C-alpha atoms as a PDB file:
ATOM      1  CA  MET A   1      -3.858  36.726  16.813  1.00  0.00           C
ATOM      2  CA  GLN A   2      -2.231  40.009  17.810  1.00  0.00           C
ATOM      3  CA  ASP A   3       1.548  38.495  17.978  1.00  0.00           C
ATOM      4  CA  PHE A   4       0.729  36.644  14.437  1.00  0.00           C
ATOM      5  CA  LEU A   5      -0.560  40.177  13.206  1.00  0.00           C
ATOM      6  CA  THR A   6       2.995  41.900  14.656  1.00  0.00           C
ATOM      7  CA  PHE A   7       4.936  39.566  13.537  1.00  0.00           C
ATOM      8  CA  LYS A   8       6.217  38.171  17.032  1.00  0.00           C
ATOM      9  CA  THR A   9       5.287  34.244  16.397  1.00  0.00           C
ATOM     10  CA  PHE A  10       6.284  33.521  12.774  1.00  0.00           C
ATOM     11  CA  LEU A  11       4.015  31.236  10.273  1.00  0.00           C
ATOM     12  CA  THR A  12       7.410  30.240   8.675  1.00  0.00           C
ATOM     13  CA  PRO A  13       8.792  27.354  10.849  1.00  0.00           C
ATOM     14  CA  THR A  14       5.509  25.116  10.250  1.00  0.00           C
ATOM     15  CA  LEU A  15       6.200  26.279   6.410  1.00  0.00           C
ATOM     16  CA  LEU A  16       9.329  24.728   6.830  1.00  0.00           C
ATOM     17  CA  LEU A  17       8.490  21.414   8.008  1.00  0.00           C
ATOM     18  CA  ILE A  18       6.183  21.008   5.318  1.00  0.00           C
ATOM     19  CA  PHE A  19       8.670  22.022   2.545  1.00  0.00           C
ATOM     20  CA  TYR A  20      11.342  19.764   3.966  1.00  0.00           C
ATOM     21  CA  TYR A  21       9.020  16.709   3.800  1.00  0.00           C
ATOM     22  CA  LEU A  22       7.810  17.586   0.636  1.00  0.00           C
ATOM     23  CA  TYR A  23      10.923  18.159  -1.139  1.00  0.00           C
ATOM     24  CA  ALA A  24      12.524  15.273   0.781  1.00  0.00           C
ATOM     25  CA  ILE A  25      10.073  13.084  -1.268  1.00  0.00           C
ATOM     26  CA  VAL A  26      10.450  15.141  -4.320  1.00  0.00           C
ATOM     27  CA  ILE A  27      14.198  14.842  -4.451  1.00  0.00           C
ATOM     28  CA  PRO A  28      14.578  10.988  -4.905  1.00  0.00           C
ATOM     29  CA  VAL A  29      11.791  11.252  -7.407  1.00  0.00           C
ATOM     30  CA  VAL A  30      13.235  13.966  -9.598  1.00  0.00           C
ATOM     31  CA  SER A  31      16.479  12.006  -9.164  1.00  0.00           C
ATOM     32  CA  TYR A  32      15.077   9.091 -10.005  1.00  0.00           C
ATOM     33  CA  SER A  33      14.049  10.479 -13.464  1.00  0.00           C
ATOM     34  CA  ILE A  34      17.443  11.660 -14.451  1.00  0.00           C
ATOM     35  CA  ALA A  35      19.173   8.543 -13.553  1.00  0.00           C
ATOM     36  CA  LYS A  36      17.001   6.981 -15.762  1.00  0.00           C
ATOM     37  CA  TRP A  37      17.098   9.981 -18.589  1.00  0.00           C
ATOM     38  CA  VAL A  38      20.919   8.961 -18.326  1.00  0.00           C
ATOM     39  CA  LYS A  39      20.492   5.397 -18.597  1.00  0.00           C
ATOM     40  CA  SER A  40      18.480   5.713 -21.524  1.00  0.00           C
ATOM     41  CA  SER A  41      20.738   8.118 -23.422  1.00  0.00           C
ATOM     42  CA  TYR A  42      24.202   6.440 -22.609  1.00  0.00           C
ATOM     43  CA  PHE A  43      24.061   2.911 -21.707  1.00  0.00           C
ATOM     44  CA  LYS A  44      22.575   1.440 -24.718  1.00  0.00           C
ATOM     45  CA  LYS A  45      22.938  -2.077 -25.764  1.00  0.00           C
ATOM     46  CA  GLU A  46      23.397  -1.682 -29.502  1.00  0.00           C
ATOM     47  CA  ASN A  47      26.527   0.107 -31.229  1.00  0.00           C
ATOM     48  CA  SER A  48      26.167   3.099 -33.591  1.00  0.00           C
ATOM     49  CA  ASP A  49      28.396   5.808 -34.339  1.00  0.00           C
ATOM     50  CA  LYS A  50      26.821   8.347 -31.670  1.00  0.00           C
ATOM     51  CA  GLU A  51      26.331   6.203 -28.747  1.00  0.00           C
ATOM     52  CA  MET A  52      28.870   5.956 -25.941  1.00  0.00           C
ATOM     53  CA  ILE A  53      29.794   2.427 -24.962  1.00  0.00           C
ATOM     54  CA  VAL A  54      30.380   1.874 -21.088  1.00  0.00           C
ATOM     55  CA  THR A  55      32.264  -0.744 -19.709  1.00  0.00           C
ATOM     56  CA  PRO A  56      30.820  -2.572 -16.486  1.00  0.00           C
ATOM     57  CA  LYS A  57      33.440  -0.968 -14.400  1.00  0.00           C
ATOM     58  CA  GLN A  58      32.620   2.336 -15.450  1.00  0.00           C
ATOM     59  CA  LYS A  59      28.468   1.741 -14.886  1.00  0.00           C
ATOM     60  CA  ARG A  60      29.536   1.003 -11.478  1.00  0.00           C
ATOM     61  CA  ILE A  61      31.365   4.177 -10.705  1.00  0.00           C
ATOM     62  CA  ILE A  62      29.144   6.354 -12.386  1.00  0.00           C
ATOM     63  CA  VAL A  63      26.478   4.553 -10.030  1.00  0.00           C
ATOM     64  CA  GLY A  64      28.543   5.028  -7.020  1.00  0.00           C
ATOM     65  CA  ILE A  65      28.925   8.662  -7.962  1.00  0.00           C
ATOM     66  CA  ALA A  66      25.230   9.250  -8.660  1.00  0.00           C
ATOM     67  CA  LEU A  67      24.349   7.519  -4.937  1.00  0.00           C
ATOM     68  CA  LEU A  68      27.072   9.696  -3.421  1.00  0.00           C
ATOM     69  CA  CYS A  69      25.894  12.936  -5.146  1.00  0.00           C
ATOM     70  CA  PHE A  70      22.146  12.075  -4.071  1.00  0.00           C
ATOM     71  CA  LEU A  71      23.625  11.300  -0.056  1.00  0.00           C
ATOM     72  CA  CYS A  72      25.034  14.564  -0.433  1.00  0.00           C
ATOM     73  CA  MET A  73      21.849  16.286  -1.915  1.00  0.00           C
ATOM     74  CA  GLU A  74      19.702  14.941   1.151  1.00  0.00           C
ATOM     75  CA  LEU A  75      22.244  15.697   3.789  1.00  0.00           C
ATOM     76  CA  PHE A  76      22.303  19.345   2.527  1.00  0.00           C
ATOM     77  CA  TRP A  77      18.837  19.439   2.070  1.00  0.00           C
ATOM     78  CA  ARG A  78      18.500  18.502   5.835  1.00  0.00           C
ATOM     79  CA  VAL A  79      21.453  20.612   7.187  1.00  0.00           C
ATOM     80  CA  MET A  80      19.773  23.980   5.293  1.00  0.00           C
ATOM     81  CA  PHE A  81      16.615  23.411   6.765  1.00  0.00           C
ATOM     82  CA  GLU A  82      17.990  22.196  10.538  1.00  0.00           C
ATOM     83  CA  PHE A  83      19.989  26.045   9.946  1.00  0.00           C
ATOM     84  CA  PHE A  84      16.768  27.683   9.191  1.00  0.00           C
ATOM     85  CA  ILE A  85      14.523  26.206  11.935  1.00  0.00           C
ATOM     86  CA  ALA A  86      17.621  26.653  14.446  1.00  0.00           C
ATOM     87  CA  TYR A  87      17.394  30.489  13.407  1.00  0.00           C
ATOM     88  CA  PHE A  88      13.798  30.866  14.179  1.00  0.00           C
ATOM     89  CA  ASP A  89      14.389  28.788  17.386  1.00  0.00           C
ATOM     90  CA  MET A  90      16.730  31.353  18.657  1.00  0.00           C
ATOM     91  CA  HIS A  91      14.339  34.189  17.729  1.00  0.00           C
ATOM     92  CA  ASP A  92      11.980  32.397  19.903  1.00  0.00           C
ATOM     93  CA  ALA A  93      14.149  32.005  22.717  1.00  0.00           C
ATOM     94  CA  LEU A  94      15.357  35.992  22.192  1.00  0.00           C
ATOM     95  CA  MET A  95      11.582  37.047  22.370  1.00  0.00           C
ATOM     96  CA  HIS A  96      11.241  34.851  25.351  1.00  0.00           C
ATOM     97  CA  ILE A  97      13.997  36.176  27.383  1.00  0.00           C
ATOM     98  CA  SER A  98      13.047  39.762  26.249  1.00  0.00           C
ATOM     99  CA  LYS A  99       9.321  39.315  27.530  1.00  0.00           C
ATOM    100  CA  GLY A 100      10.810  37.957  31.069  1.00  0.00           C
ATOM    101  CA  VAL A 101      12.909  41.270  31.575  1.00  0.00           C
END
């Protein structure tokens, strides 16, 4: 308890893991809802003056770009949290070294 109150032990590494897994689930759900909105807005079957007609080839390209963006988002999210956790691991290692000297 003394280490926690004097900030020698951090709460953040545990919170980082919780937030990582929470948003690793939220990001796909939000991405799916955005993709669903884009599909309903731009990929309509009937033709009118305000609607954009998209060919099947363009649809495949858009879906491919969306999947690539999704994979990049998930990869960036993972790398960002690995950086934060590594930072706190370095702090713990330095505190261990300073106690040993």
